[in-house]
Amino acid sequence: MSGQFYIVNLGGTAATIQEVFYEFYIADSKSPLPAKRPWEGKSGLKCNVTLKPGCSSPYLFERQQPVSAEEFSYLAFRKKSLYIMGWIDYVDALKIRRTTRFCRLYDVDTDRFTAVEDAEYESAD
């Protein structure tokens, strides 16, 4: 499974992306996301990309392990849920380091990821 997401600078000044982390997470559909975010304590990919205000940059992602037939069956019958989640660290024009966290749920019907409504997983400093 692979795809891309866009990192967008919605601010009014330039922002420099410093680190990006993402991972896939499979959970029972009836279970809530864990209280401790699975990425806590992990390091991301270091980078140094500056985005001007209103500009975006694509970021490619790939799941190292293919989705097995059994996993896909669980996803198709909604017994399990597949998420891509992580964070983006950047420095704004005032040299303040900020973090944006994201979590997207895979929708088998549309073959797309959609944002989850959970402030622990979807937030921006």
PDB file of N, CA and C in Angstrom:
ATOM      1  N   MET A   1       0.847  -1.164   0.000  1.00  0.00           N
ATOM      2  CA  MET A   1       0.000   0.000   0.000  1.00  0.00           C
ATOM      3  C   MET A   1       0.894   1.228   0.000  1.00  0.00           C
ATOM      4  N   SER A   2       0.614   2.122  -0.888  1.00  0.00           N
ATOM      5  CA  SER A   2       1.395   3.350  -0.965  1.00  0.00           C
ATOM      6  C   SER A   2       0.484   4.486  -1.412  1.00  0.00           C
ATOM      7  N   GLY A   3       0.966   5.686  -1.231  1.00  0.00           N
ATOM      8  CA  GLY A   3       0.198   6.853  -1.628  1.00  0.00           C
ATOM      9  C   GLY A   3       0.972   8.105  -1.320  1.00  0.00           C
ATOM     10  N   GLN A   4       0.261   9.195  -1.222  1.00  0.00           N
ATOM     11  CA  GLN A   4       0.904  10.459  -0.881  1.00  0.00           C
ATOM     12  C   GLN A   4      -0.057  11.333  -0.101  1.00  0.00           C
ATOM     13  N   PHE A   5       0.520  12.190   0.694  1.00  0.00           N
ATOM     14  CA  PHE A   5      -0.255  13.243   1.317  1.00  0.00           C
ATOM     15  C   PHE A   5       0.481  14.542   1.054  1.00  0.00           C
ATOM     16  N   TYR A   6      -0.208  15.647   1.256  1.00  0.00           N
ATOM     17  CA  TYR A   6       0.396  16.947   1.019  1.00  0.00           C
ATOM     18  C   TYR A   6       0.635  17.660   2.337  1.00  0.00           C
ATOM     19  N   ILE A   7       1.803  18.235   2.449  1.00  0.00           N
ATOM     20  CA  ILE A   7       2.119  19.092   3.583  1.00  0.00           C
ATOM     21  C   ILE A   7       1.881  20.511   3.084  1.00  0.00           C
ATOM     22  N   VAL A   8       0.982  21.224   3.745  1.00  0.00           N
ATOM     23  CA  VAL A   8       0.550  22.541   3.286  1.00  0.00           C
ATOM     24  C   VAL A   8       0.877  23.586   4.341  1.00  0.00           C
ATOM     25  N   ASN A   9       1.432  24.695   3.910  1.00  0.00           N
ATOM     26  CA  ASN A   9       1.680  25.817   4.809  1.00  0.00           C
ATOM     27  C   ASN A   9       0.477  26.754   4.733  1.00  0.00           C
ATOM     28  N   LEU A  10      -0.374  26.691   5.753  1.00  0.00           N
ATOM     29  CA  LEU A  10      -1.565  27.538   5.801  1.00  0.00           C
ATOM     30  C   LEU A  10      -1.304  28.881   6.469  1.00  0.00           C
ATOM     31  N   GLY A  11      -0.086  29.056   6.985  1.00  0.00           N
ATOM     32  CA  GLY A  11       0.260  30.290   7.680  1.00  0.00           C
ATOM     33  C   GLY A  11       0.579  31.436   6.730  1.00  0.00           C
ATOM     34  N   GLY A  12       0.899  32.577   7.324  1.00  0.00           N
ATOM     35  CA  GLY A  12       1.179  33.783   6.549  1.00  0.00           C
ATOM     36  C   GLY A  12       2.665  34.026   6.314  1.00  0.00           C
ATOM     37  N   THR A  13       3.534  33.151   6.849  1.00  0.00           N
ATOM     38  CA  THR A  13       4.981  33.286   6.648  1.00  0.00           C
ATOM     39  C   THR A  13       5.561  31.930   6.266  1.00  0.00           C
ATOM     40  N   ALA A  14       6.812  31.931   5.854  1.00  0.00           N
ATOM     41  CA  ALA A  14       7.469  30.678   5.462  1.00  0.00           C
ATOM     42  C   ALA A  14       7.586  29.736   6.660  1.00  0.00           C
ATOM     43  N   ALA A  15       7.577  28.435   6.382  1.00  0.00           N
ATOM     44  CA  ALA A  15       7.749  27.399   7.407  1.00  0.00           C
ATOM     45  C   ALA A  15       8.739  26.371   6.878  1.00  0.00           C
ATOM     46  N   THR A  16       9.650  25.932   7.739  1.00  0.00           N
ATOM     47  CA  THR A  16      10.647  24.944   7.331  1.00  0.00           C
ATOM     48  C   THR A  16      10.357  23.616   8.014  1.00  0.00           C
ATOM     49  N   ILE A  17      10.050  22.606   7.203  1.00  0.00           N
ATOM     50  CA  ILE A  17       9.774  21.272   7.717  1.00  0.00           C
ATOM     51  C   ILE A  17      11.091  20.672   8.181  1.00  0.00           C
ATOM     52  N   GLN A  18      11.109  20.160   9.415  1.00  0.00           N
ATOM     53  CA  GLN A  18      12.333  19.605   9.989  1.00  0.00           C
ATOM     54  C   GLN A  18      12.290  18.092  10.137  1.00  0.00           C
ATOM     55  N   GLU A  19      11.114  17.540  10.421  1.00  0.00           N
ATOM     56  CA  GLU A  19      11.022  16.105  10.651  1.00  0.00           C
ATOM     57  C   GLU A  19       9.597  15.635  10.335  1.00  0.00           C
ATOM     58  N   VAL A  20       9.502  14.463   9.688  1.00  0.00           N
ATOM     59  CA  VAL A  20       8.205  13.881   9.346  1.00  0.00           C
ATOM     60  C   VAL A  20       8.213  12.424   9.799  1.00  0.00           C
ATOM     61  N   PHE A  21       7.139  12.028  10.454  1.00  0.00           N
ATOM     62  CA  PHE A  21       6.997  10.641  10.873  1.00  0.00           C
ATOM     63  C   PHE A  21       5.602  10.158  10.529  1.00  0.00           C
ATOM     64  N   TYR A  22       5.515   8.934  10.013  1.00  0.00           N
ATOM     65  CA  TYR A  22       4.211   8.301   9.807  1.00  0.00           C
ATOM     66  C   TYR A  22       4.367   6.813  10.045  1.00  0.00           C
ATOM     67  N   GLU A  23       3.254   6.179  10.399  1.00  0.00           N
ATOM     68  CA  GLU A  23       3.213   4.729  10.489  1.00  0.00           C
ATOM     69  C   GLU A  23       1.788   4.259  10.271  1.00  0.00           C
ATOM     70  N   PHE A  24       1.674   3.009   9.885  1.00  0.00           N
ATOM     71  CA  PHE A  24       0.371   2.396   9.725  1.00  0.00           C
ATOM     72  C   PHE A  24       0.003   1.696  11.022  1.00  0.00           C
ATOM     73  N   TYR A  25      -1.279   1.684  11.327  1.00  0.00           N
ATOM     74  CA  TYR A  25      -1.763   1.068  12.554  1.00  0.00           C
ATOM     75  C   TYR A  25      -3.057   0.330  12.223  1.00  0.00           C
ATOM     76  N   ILE A  26      -3.111  -0.951  12.573  1.00  0.00           N
ATOM     77  CA  ILE A  26      -4.318  -1.743  12.360  1.00  0.00           C
ATOM     78  C   ILE A  26      -4.913  -2.065  13.724  1.00  0.00           C
ATOM     79  N   ALA A  27      -6.222  -1.805  13.868  1.00  0.00           N
ATOM     80  CA  ALA A  27      -6.906  -2.008  15.141  1.00  0.00           C
ATOM     81  C   ALA A  27      -8.243  -2.694  14.906  1.00  0.00           C
ATOM     82  N   ASP A  28      -8.753  -3.335  15.959  1.00  0.00           N
ATOM     83  CA  ASP A  28     -10.113  -3.864  15.883  1.00  0.00           C
ATOM     84  C   ASP A  28     -11.060  -2.691  15.669  1.00  0.00           C
ATOM     85  N   SER A  29     -12.029  -2.862  14.789  1.00  0.00           N
ATOM     86  CA  SER A  29     -12.933  -1.758  14.445  1.00  0.00           C
ATOM     87  C   SER A  29     -13.708  -1.221  15.632  1.00  0.00           C
ATOM     88  N   LYS A  30     -14.017  -2.067  16.579  1.00  0.00           N
ATOM     89  CA  LYS A  30     -14.803  -1.632  17.734  1.00  0.00           C
ATOM     90  C   LYS A  30     -13.933  -0.964  18.801  1.00  0.00           C
ATOM     91  N   SER A  31     -12.621  -1.099  18.696  1.00  0.00           N
ATOM     92  CA  SER A  31     -11.716  -0.546  19.709  1.00  0.00           C
ATOM     93  C   SER A  31     -11.398   0.918  19.410  1.00  0.00           C
ATOM     94  N   PRO A  32     -11.352   1.742  20.446  1.00  0.00           N
ATOM     95  CA  PRO A  32     -10.920   3.127  20.221  1.00  0.00           C
ATOM     96  C   PRO A  32      -9.411   3.163  19.984  1.00  0.00           C
ATOM     97  N   LEU A  33      -8.941   4.267  19.455  1.00  0.00           N
ATOM     98  CA  LEU A  33      -7.497   4.445  19.316  1.00  0.00           C
ATOM     99  C   LEU A  33      -6.881   4.437  20.713  1.00  0.00           C
ATOM    100  N   PRO A  34      -5.661   3.925  20.840  1.00  0.00           N
ATOM    101  CA  PRO A  34      -5.057   3.842  22.180  1.00  0.00           C
ATOM    102  C   PRO A  34      -4.799   5.209  22.792  1.00  0.00           C
ATOM    103  N   ALA A  35      -4.854   5.269  24.133  1.00  0.00           N
ATOM    104  CA  ALA A  35      -4.602   6.519  24.847  1.00  0.00           C
ATOM    105  C   ALA A  35      -3.177   7.003  24.591  1.00  0.00           C
ATOM    106  N   LYS A  36      -2.224   6.071  24.548  1.00  0.00           N
ATOM    107  CA  LYS A  36      -0.837   6.429  24.216  1.00  0.00           C
ATOM    108  C   LYS A  36      -0.673   6.283  22.713  1.00  0.00           C
ATOM    109  N   ARG A  37      -0.360   7.381  22.061  1.00  0.00           N
ATOM    110  CA  ARG A  37      -0.208   7.345  20.608  1.00  0.00           C
ATOM    111  C   ARG A  37       0.932   6.403  20.225  1.00  0.00           C
ATOM    112  N   PRO A  38       0.718   5.515  19.253  1.00  0.00           N
ATOM    113  CA  PRO A  38       1.728   4.514  18.895  1.00  0.00           C
ATOM    114  C   PRO A  38       3.076   5.097  18.473  1.00  0.00           C
ATOM    115  N   TRP A  39       3.118   6.333  18.055  1.00  0.00           N
ATOM    116  CA  TRP A  39       4.379   6.905  17.583  1.00  0.00           C
ATOM    117  C   TRP A  39       5.206   7.562  18.687  1.00  0.00           C
ATOM    118  N   GLU A  40       4.670   7.648  19.884  1.00  0.00           N
ATOM    119  CA  GLU A  40       5.384   8.336  20.967  1.00  0.00           C
ATOM    120  C   GLU A  40       6.784   7.757  21.159  1.00  0.00           C
ATOM    121  N   GLY A  41       7.779   8.626  21.244  1.00  0.00           N
ATOM    122  CA  GLY A  41       9.160   8.219  21.470  1.00  0.00           C
ATOM    123  C   GLY A  41       9.910   7.795  20.222  1.00  0.00           C
ATOM    124  N   LYS A  42       9.267   7.831  19.075  1.00  0.00           N
ATOM    125  CA  LYS A  42       9.921   7.418  17.832  1.00  0.00           C
ATOM    126  C   LYS A  42      10.447   8.642  17.097  1.00  0.00           C
ATOM    127  N   SER A  43      11.465   8.432  16.280  1.00  0.00           N
ATOM    128  CA  SER A  43      12.050   9.516  15.487  1.00  0.00           C
ATOM    129  C   SER A  43      11.531   9.457  14.065  1.00  0.00           C
ATOM    130  N   GLY A  44      11.444  10.610  13.459  1.00  0.00           N
ATOM    131  CA  GLY A  44      10.990  10.694  12.088  1.00  0.00           C
ATOM    132  C   GLY A  44      12.137  10.911  11.120  1.00  0.00           C
ATOM    133  N   LEU A  45      11.785  11.111   9.877  1.00  0.00           N
ATOM    134  CA  LEU A  45      12.752  11.386   8.829  1.00  0.00           C
ATOM    135  C   LEU A  45      13.134  12.856   8.894  1.00  0.00           C
ATOM    136  N   LYS A  46      14.409  13.122   9.057  1.00  0.00           N
ATOM    137  CA  LYS A  46      14.897  14.508   9.102  1.00  0.00           C
ATOM    138  C   LYS A  46      14.847  15.096   7.696  1.00  0.00           C
ATOM    139  N   CYS A  47      14.456  16.338   7.616  1.00  0.00           N
ATOM    140  CA  CYS A  47      14.440  17.018   6.319  1.00  0.00           C
ATOM    141  C   CYS A  47      14.595  18.520   6.557  1.00  0.00           C
ATOM    142  N   ASN A  48      14.730  19.254   5.488  1.00  0.00           N
ATOM    143  CA  ASN A  48      14.915  20.697   5.568  1.00  0.00           C
ATOM    144  C   ASN A  48      14.267  21.308   4.330  1.00  0.00           C
ATOM    145  N   VAL A  49      12.934  21.324   4.348  1.00  0.00           N
ATOM    146  CA  VAL A  49      12.165  21.824   3.210  1.00  0.00           C
ATOM    147  C   VAL A  49      11.404  23.058   3.658  1.00  0.00           C
ATOM    148  N   THR A  50      11.607  24.159   2.971  1.00  0.00           N
ATOM    149  CA  THR A  50      10.910  25.401   3.306  1.00  0.00           C
ATOM    150  C   THR A  50       9.730  25.591   2.362  1.00  0.00           C
ATOM    151  N   LEU A  51       8.574  25.853   2.966  1.00  0.00           N
ATOM    152  CA  LEU A  51       7.364  26.129   2.197  1.00  0.00           C
ATOM    153  C   LEU A  51       6.968  27.581   2.389  1.00  0.00           C
ATOM    154  N   LYS A  52       6.740  28.264   1.298  1.00  0.00           N
ATOM    155  CA  LYS A  52       6.238  29.632   1.367  1.00  0.00           C
ATOM    156  C   LYS A  52       4.771  29.597   1.776  1.00  0.00           C
ATOM    157  N   PRO A  53       4.240  30.719   2.255  1.00  0.00           N
ATOM    158  CA  PRO A  53       2.827  30.758   2.653  1.00  0.00           C
ATOM    159  C   PRO A  53       1.917  30.305   1.513  1.00  0.00           C
ATOM    160  N   GLY A  54       0.974  29.428   1.839  1.00  0.00           N
ATOM    161  CA  GLY A  54       0.014  28.956   0.842  1.00  0.00           C
ATOM    162  C   GLY A  54       0.538  27.865  -0.077  1.00  0.00           C
ATOM    163  N   CYS A  55       1.783  27.469   0.071  1.00  0.00           N
ATOM    164  CA  CYS A  55       2.362  26.434  -0.806  1.00  0.00           C
ATOM    165  C   CYS A  55       2.280  25.062  -0.149  1.00  0.00           C
ATOM    166  N   SER A  56       2.421  24.032  -0.974  1.00  0.00           N
ATOM    167  CA  SER A  56       2.368  22.667  -0.467  1.00  0.00           C
ATOM    168  C   SER A  56       3.468  21.829  -1.099  1.00  0.00           C
ATOM    169  N   SER A  57       3.704  20.677  -0.483  1.00  0.00           N
ATOM    170  CA  SER A  57       4.704  19.747  -0.980  1.00  0.00           C
ATOM    171  C   SER A  57       4.168  18.332  -0.791  1.00  0.00           C
ATOM    172  N   PRO A  58       4.216  17.484  -1.830  1.00  0.00           N
ATOM    173  CA  PRO A  58       3.742  16.111  -1.655  1.00  0.00           C
ATOM    174  C   PRO A  58       4.734  15.300  -0.829  1.00  0.00           C
ATOM    175  N   TYR A  59       4.215  14.337  -0.082  1.00  0.00           N
ATOM    176  CA  TYR A  59       5.053  13.436   0.704  1.00  0.00           C
ATOM    177  C   TYR A  59       4.572  12.022   0.422  1.00  0.00           C
ATOM    178  N   LEU A  60       5.461  11.191  -0.097  1.00  0.00           N
ATOM    179  CA  LEU A  60       5.110   9.825  -0.452  1.00  0.00           C
ATOM    180  C   LEU A  60       5.201   8.918   0.766  1.00  0.00           C
ATOM    181  N   PHE A  61       4.259   7.991   0.878  1.00  0.00           N
ATOM    182  CA  PHE A  61       4.310   7.017   1.962  1.00  0.00           C
ATOM    183  C   PHE A  61       4.119   5.620   1.388  1.00  0.00           C
ATOM    184  N   GLU A  62       4.626   4.645   2.134  1.00  0.00           N
ATOM    185  CA  GLU A  62       4.496   3.259   1.711  1.00  0.00           C
ATOM    186  C   GLU A  62       4.491   2.356   2.936  1.00  0.00           C
ATOM    187  N   ARG A  63       3.630   1.389   2.928  1.00  0.00           N
ATOM    188  CA  ARG A  63       3.623   0.386   3.994  1.00  0.00           C
ATOM    189  C   ARG A  63       4.596  -0.706   3.575  1.00  0.00           C
ATOM    190  N   GLN A  64       5.605  -0.937   4.397  1.00  0.00           N
ATOM    191  CA  GLN A  64       6.656  -1.896   4.057  1.00  0.00           C
ATOM    192  C   GLN A  64       6.099  -3.307   3.899  1.00  0.00           C
ATOM    193  N   GLN A  65       5.153  -3.678   4.757  1.00  0.00           N
ATOM    194  CA  GLN A  65       4.538  -4.992   4.643  1.00  0.00           C
ATOM    195  C   GLN A  65       3.259  -4.847   3.831  1.00  0.00           C
ATOM    196  N   PRO A  66       3.105  -5.638   2.763  1.00  0.00           N
ATOM    197  CA  PRO A  66       1.845  -5.581   2.014  1.00  0.00           C
ATOM    198  C   PRO A  66       0.675  -5.999   2.910  1.00  0.00           C
ATOM    199  N   VAL A  67      -0.505  -5.495   2.608  1.00  0.00           N
ATOM    200  CA  VAL A  67      -1.701  -5.906   3.322  1.00  0.00           C
ATOM    201  C   VAL A  67      -1.989  -7.346   2.902  1.00  0.00           C
ATOM    202  N   SER A  68      -2.019  -8.248   3.866  1.00  0.00           N
ATOM    203  CA  SER A  68      -2.249  -9.659   3.553  1.00  0.00           C
ATOM    204  C   SER A  68      -3.711  -9.879   3.157  1.00  0.00           C
ATOM    205  N   ALA A  69      -3.988 -11.025   2.554  1.00  0.00           N
ATOM    206  CA  ALA A  69      -5.361 -11.359   2.163  1.00  0.00           C
ATOM    207  C   ALA A  69      -6.266 -11.390   3.396  1.00  0.00           C
ATOM    208  N   GLU A  70      -5.739 -11.926   4.509  1.00  0.00           N
ATOM    209  CA  GLU A  70      -6.518 -11.991   5.739  1.00  0.00           C
ATOM    210  C   GLU A  70      -6.816 -10.584   6.271  1.00  0.00           C
ATOM    211  N   GLU A  71      -5.785  -9.714   6.294  1.00  0.00           N
ATOM    212  CA  GLU A  71      -5.988  -8.331   6.757  1.00  0.00           C
ATOM    213  C   GLU A  71      -7.000  -7.617   5.871  1.00  0.00           C
ATOM    214  N   PHE A  72      -6.876  -7.788   4.551  1.00  0.00           N
ATOM    215  CA  PHE A  72      -7.798  -7.116   3.637  1.00  0.00           C
ATOM    216  C   PHE A  72      -9.228  -7.602   3.872  1.00  0.00           C
ATOM    217  N   SER A  73      -9.385  -8.899   4.122  1.00  0.00           N
ATOM    218  CA  SER A  73     -10.710  -9.442   4.411  1.00  0.00           C
ATOM    219  C   SER A  73     -11.291  -8.795   5.666  1.00  0.00           C
ATOM    220  N   TYR A  74     -10.467  -8.667   6.710  1.00  0.00           N
ATOM    221  CA  TYR A  74     -10.918  -8.011   7.935  1.00  0.00           C
ATOM    222  C   TYR A  74     -11.297  -6.552   7.671  1.00  0.00           C
ATOM    223  N   LEU A  75     -10.506  -5.869   6.840  1.00  0.00           N
ATOM    224  CA  LEU A  75     -10.813  -4.475   6.513  1.00  0.00           C
ATOM    225  C   LEU A  75     -12.106  -4.380   5.707  1.00  0.00           C
ATOM    226  N   ALA A  76     -12.251  -5.260   4.717  1.00  0.00           N
ATOM    227  CA  ALA A  76     -13.428  -5.233   3.847  1.00  0.00           C
ATOM    228  C   ALA A  76     -14.718  -5.478   4.625  1.00  0.00           C
ATOM    229  N   PHE A  77     -14.644  -6.370   5.622  1.00  0.00           N
ATOM    230  CA  PHE A  77     -15.832  -6.674   6.424  1.00  0.00           C
ATOM    231  C   PHE A  77     -15.906  -5.830   7.692  1.00  0.00           C
ATOM    232  N   ARG A  78     -15.044  -4.825   7.759  1.00  0.00           N
ATOM    233  CA  ARG A  78     -15.013  -3.839   8.843  1.00  0.00           C
ATOM    234  C   ARG A  78     -14.819  -4.453  10.232  1.00  0.00           C
ATOM    235  N   LYS A  79     -14.064  -5.545  10.277  1.00  0.00           N
ATOM    236  CA  LYS A  79     -13.690  -6.135  11.553  1.00  0.00           C
ATOM    237  C   LYS A  79     -12.422  -5.480  12.090  1.00  0.00           C
ATOM    238  N   LYS A  80     -11.659  -4.886  11.185  1.00  0.00           N
ATOM    239  CA  LYS A  80     -10.447  -4.153  11.561  1.00  0.00           C
ATOM    240  C   LYS A  80     -10.432  -2.831  10.806  1.00  0.00           C
ATOM    241  N   SER A  81      -9.681  -1.885  11.360  1.00  0.00           N
ATOM    242  CA  SER A  81      -9.535  -0.567  10.738  1.00  0.00           C
ATOM    243  C   SER A  81      -8.058  -0.301  10.498  1.00  0.00           C
ATOM    244  N   LEU A  82      -7.755   0.330   9.381  1.00  0.00           N
ATOM    245  CA  LEU A  82      -6.382   0.678   9.025  1.00  0.00           C
ATOM    246  C   LEU A  82      -6.235   2.193   9.091  1.00  0.00           C
ATOM    247  N   TYR A  83      -5.216   2.629   9.822  1.00  0.00           N
ATOM    248  CA  TYR A  83      -4.931   4.052   9.965  1.00  0.00           C
ATOM    249  C   TYR A  83      -3.529   4.347   9.446  1.00  0.00           C
ATOM    250  N   ILE A  84      -3.328   5.572   8.966  1.00  0.00           N
ATOM    251  CA  ILE A  84      -1.992   6.126   8.806  1.00  0.00           C
ATOM    252  C   ILE A  84      -1.969   7.326   9.739  1.00  0.00           C
ATOM    253  N   MET A  85      -0.933   7.386  10.553  1.00  0.00           N
ATOM    254  CA  MET A  85      -0.877   8.443  11.559  1.00  0.00           C
ATOM    255  C   MET A  85       0.558   8.905  11.733  1.00  0.00           C
ATOM    256  N   GLY A  86       0.726  10.088  12.260  1.00  0.00           N
ATOM    257  CA  GLY A  86       2.070  10.587  12.503  1.00  0.00           C
ATOM    258  C   GLY A  86       2.075  12.062  12.826  1.00  0.00           C
ATOM    259  N   TRP A  87       3.216  12.686  12.540  1.00  0.00           N
ATOM    260  CA  TRP A  87       3.379  14.098  12.866  1.00  0.00           C
ATOM    261  C   TRP A  87       4.395  14.750  11.934  1.00  0.00           C
ATOM    262  N   ILE A  88       4.305  16.066  11.893  1.00  0.00           N
ATOM    263  CA  ILE A  88       5.224  16.895  11.099  1.00  0.00           C
ATOM    264  C   ILE A  88       5.731  17.992  12.021  1.00  0.00           C
ATOM    265  N   ASP A  89       7.046  18.069  12.188  1.00  0.00           N
ATOM    266  CA  ASP A  89       7.669  19.153  12.957  1.00  0.00           C
ATOM    267  C   ASP A  89       8.184  20.192  11.973  1.00  0.00           C
ATOM    268  N   TYR A  90       7.933  21.442  12.285  1.00  0.00           N
ATOM    269  CA  TYR A  90       8.430  22.522  11.427  1.00  0.00           C
ATOM    270  C   TYR A  90       8.786  23.722  12.281  1.00  0.00           C
ATOM    271  N   VAL A  91       9.552  24.619  11.704  1.00  0.00           N
ATOM    272  CA  VAL A  91       9.940  25.863  12.367  1.00  0.00           C
ATOM    273  C   VAL A  91       9.300  27.006  11.597  1.00  0.00           C
ATOM    274  N   ASP A  92       8.625  27.890  12.331  1.00  0.00           N
ATOM    275  CA  ASP A  92       7.976  29.022  11.673  1.00  0.00           C
ATOM    276  C   ASP A  92       8.948  30.194  11.523  1.00  0.00           C
ATOM    277  N   ALA A  93       8.462  31.292  10.997  1.00  0.00           N
ATOM    278  CA  ALA A  93       9.314  32.457  10.730  1.00  0.00           C
ATOM    279  C   ALA A  93       9.898  33.064  12.001  1.00  0.00           C
ATOM    280  N   LEU A  94       9.259  32.823  13.151  1.00  0.00           N
ATOM    281  CA  LEU A  94       9.766  33.336  14.425  1.00  0.00           C
ATOM    282  C   LEU A  94      10.743  32.354  15.081  1.00  0.00           C
ATOM    283  N   LYS A  95      11.109  31.294  14.339  1.00  0.00           N
ATOM    284  CA  LYS A  95      12.035  30.254  14.825  1.00  0.00           C
ATOM    285  C   LYS A  95      11.435  29.426  15.957  1.00  0.00           C
ATOM    286  N   ILE A  96      10.110  29.341  15.986  1.00  0.00           N
ATOM    287  CA  ILE A  96       9.410  28.522  16.978  1.00  0.00           C
ATOM    288  C   ILE A  96       9.129  27.157  16.346  1.00  0.00           C
ATOM    289  N   ARG A  97       9.563  26.105  17.048  1.00  0.00           N
ATOM    290  CA  ARG A  97       9.311  24.745  16.550  1.00  0.00           C
ATOM    291  C   ARG A  97       7.876  24.348  16.890  1.00  0.00           C
ATOM    292  N   ARG A  98       7.175  23.856  15.890  1.00  0.00           N
ATOM    293  CA  ARG A  98       5.767  23.496  16.044  1.00  0.00           C
ATOM    294  C   ARG A  98       5.554  22.072  15.513  1.00  0.00           C
ATOM    295  N   THR A  99       4.462  21.458  15.965  1.00  0.00           N
ATOM    296  CA  THR A  99       4.142  20.101  15.535  1.00  0.00           C
ATOM    297  C   THR A  99       2.691  20.027  15.097  1.00  0.00           C
ATOM    298  N   THR A 100       2.462  19.382  13.973  1.00  0.00           N
ATOM    299  CA  THR A 100       1.121  19.048  13.511  1.00  0.00           C
ATOM    300  C   THR A 100       1.005  17.538  13.541  1.00  0.00           C
ATOM    301  N   ARG A 101      -0.029  17.031  14.204  1.00  0.00           N
ATOM    302  CA  ARG A 101      -0.269  15.595  14.287  1.00  0.00           C
ATOM    303  C   ARG A 101      -1.456  15.248  13.395  1.00  0.00           C
ATOM    304  N   PHE A 102      -1.388  14.056  12.783  1.00  0.00           N
ATOM    305  CA  PHE A 102      -2.473  13.649  11.900  1.00  0.00           C
ATOM    306  C   PHE A 102      -2.787  12.170  12.073  1.00  0.00           C
ATOM    307  N   CYS A 103      -4.024  11.826  11.774  1.00  0.00           N
ATOM    308  CA  CYS A 103      -4.468  10.443  11.814  1.00  0.00           C
ATOM    309  C   CYS A 103      -5.589  10.295  10.792  1.00  0.00           C
ATOM    310  N   ARG A 104      -5.395   9.379   9.870  1.00  0.00           N
ATOM    311  CA  ARG A 104      -6.373   9.156   8.811  1.00  0.00           C
ATOM    312  C   ARG A 104      -6.807   7.700   8.816  1.00  0.00           C
ATOM    313  N   LEU A 105      -8.102   7.484   8.645  1.00  0.00           N
ATOM    314  CA  LEU A 105      -8.698   6.157   8.617  1.00  0.00           C
ATOM    315  C   LEU A 105      -8.949   5.750   7.169  1.00  0.00           C
ATOM    316  N   TYR A 106      -8.550   4.536   6.833  1.00  0.00           N
ATOM    317  CA  TYR A 106      -8.746   4.029   5.471  1.00  0.00           C
ATOM    318  C   TYR A 106     -10.187   3.590   5.285  1.00  0.00           C
ATOM    319  N   ASP A 107     -10.805   4.050   4.195  1.00  0.00           N
ATOM    320  CA  ASP A 107     -12.167   3.678   3.828  1.00  0.00           C
ATOM    321  C   ASP A 107     -12.089   2.724   2.644  1.00  0.00           C
ATOM    322  N   VAL A 108     -12.453   1.468   2.867  1.00  0.00           N
ATOM    323  CA  VAL A 108     -12.362   0.447   1.817  1.00  0.00           C
ATOM    324  C   VAL A 108     -13.247   0.809   0.632  1.00  0.00           C
ATOM    325  N   ASP A 109     -14.419   1.364   0.883  1.00  0.00           N
ATOM    326  CA  ASP A 109     -15.372   1.666  -0.193  1.00  0.00           C
ATOM    327  C   ASP A 109     -14.851   2.718  -1.157  1.00  0.00           C
ATOM    328  N   THR A 110     -14.200   3.741  -0.635  1.00  0.00           N
ATOM    329  CA  THR A 110     -13.725   4.829  -1.499  1.00  0.00           C
ATOM    330  C   THR A 110     -12.247   4.706  -1.851  1.00  0.00           C
ATOM    331  N   ASP A 111     -11.535   3.762  -1.175  1.00  0.00           N
ATOM    332  CA  ASP A 111     -10.094   3.570  -1.363  1.00  0.00           C
ATOM    333  C   ASP A 111      -9.345   4.869  -1.044  1.00  0.00           C
ATOM    334  N   ARG A 112      -9.791   5.526   0.053  1.00  0.00           N
ATOM    335  CA  ARG A 112      -9.189   6.786   0.476  1.00  0.00           C
ATOM    336  C   ARG A 112      -9.046   6.805   1.988  1.00  0.00           C
ATOM    337  N   PHE A 113      -8.208   7.703   2.449  1.00  0.00           N
ATOM    338  CA  PHE A 113      -8.054   7.936   3.887  1.00  0.00           C
ATOM    339  C   PHE A 113      -8.814   9.204   4.249  1.00  0.00           C
ATOM    340  N   THR A 114      -9.506   9.184   5.387  1.00  0.00           N
ATOM    341  CA  THR A 114     -10.234  10.358   5.855  1.00  0.00           C
ATOM    342  C   THR A 114      -9.785  10.700   7.276  1.00  0.00           C
ATOM    343  N   ALA A 115      -9.835  11.973   7.622  1.00  0.00           N
ATOM    344  CA  ALA A 115      -9.390  12.442   8.936  1.00  0.00           C
ATOM    345  C   ALA A 115     -10.285  11.891  10.037  1.00  0.00           C
ATOM    346  N   VAL A 116      -9.671  11.542  11.159  1.00  0.00           N
ATOM    347  CA  VAL A 116     -10.442  11.122  12.331  1.00  0.00           C
ATOM    348  C   VAL A 116     -10.693  12.346  13.205  1.00  0.00           C
ATOM    349  N   GLU A 117     -11.756  12.294  13.981  1.00  0.00           N
ATOM    350  CA  GLU A 117     -12.064  13.393  14.893  1.00  0.00           C
ATOM    351  C   GLU A 117     -11.603  12.996  16.284  1.00  0.00           C
ATOM    352  N   ASP A 118     -10.351  13.276  16.585  1.00  0.00           N
ATOM    353  CA  ASP A 118      -9.763  12.934  17.872  1.00  0.00           C
ATOM    354  C   ASP A 118      -8.630  13.928  18.127  1.00  0.00           C
ATOM    355  N   ALA A 119      -8.814  14.800  19.096  1.00  0.00           N
ATOM    356  CA  ALA A 119      -7.837  15.871  19.361  1.00  0.00           C
ATOM    357  C   ALA A 119      -6.470  15.333  19.780  1.00  0.00           C
ATOM    358  N   GLU A 120      -6.410  14.102  20.292  1.00  0.00           N
ATOM    359  CA  GLU A 120      -5.113  13.511  20.666  1.00  0.00           C
ATOM    360  C   GLU A 120      -4.303  13.121  19.422  1.00  0.00           C
ATOM    361  N   TYR A 121      -4.983  12.893  18.322  1.00  0.00           N
ATOM    362  CA  TYR A 121      -4.331  12.432  17.093  1.00  0.00           C
ATOM    363  C   TYR A 121      -4.329  13.472  15.979  1.00  0.00           C
ATOM    364  N   GLU A 122      -5.270  14.381  16.011  1.00  0.00           N
ATOM    365  CA  GLU A 122      -5.386  15.449  15.003  1.00  0.00           C
ATOM    366  C   GLU A 122      -5.246  16.775  15.705  1.00  0.00           C
ATOM    367  N   SER A 123      -4.066  17.389  15.607  1.00  0.00           N
ATOM    368  CA  SER A 123      -3.868  18.666  16.303  1.00  0.00           C
ATOM    369  C   SER A 123      -2.706  19.424  15.694  1.00  0.00           C
ATOM    370  N   ALA A 124      -2.652  20.691  16.003  1.00  0.00           N
ATOM    371  CA  ALA A 124      -1.563  21.545  15.555  1.00  0.00           C
ATOM    372  C   ALA A 124      -1.190  22.502  16.678  1.00  0.00           C
ATOM    373  N   ASP A 125       0.126  22.716  16.871  1.00  0.00           N
ATOM    374  CA  ASP A 125       0.604  23.674  17.875  1.00  0.00           C
ATOM    375  C   ASP A 125       0.445  25.086  17.347  1.00  0.00           C
TER     376      ASP A 125
END
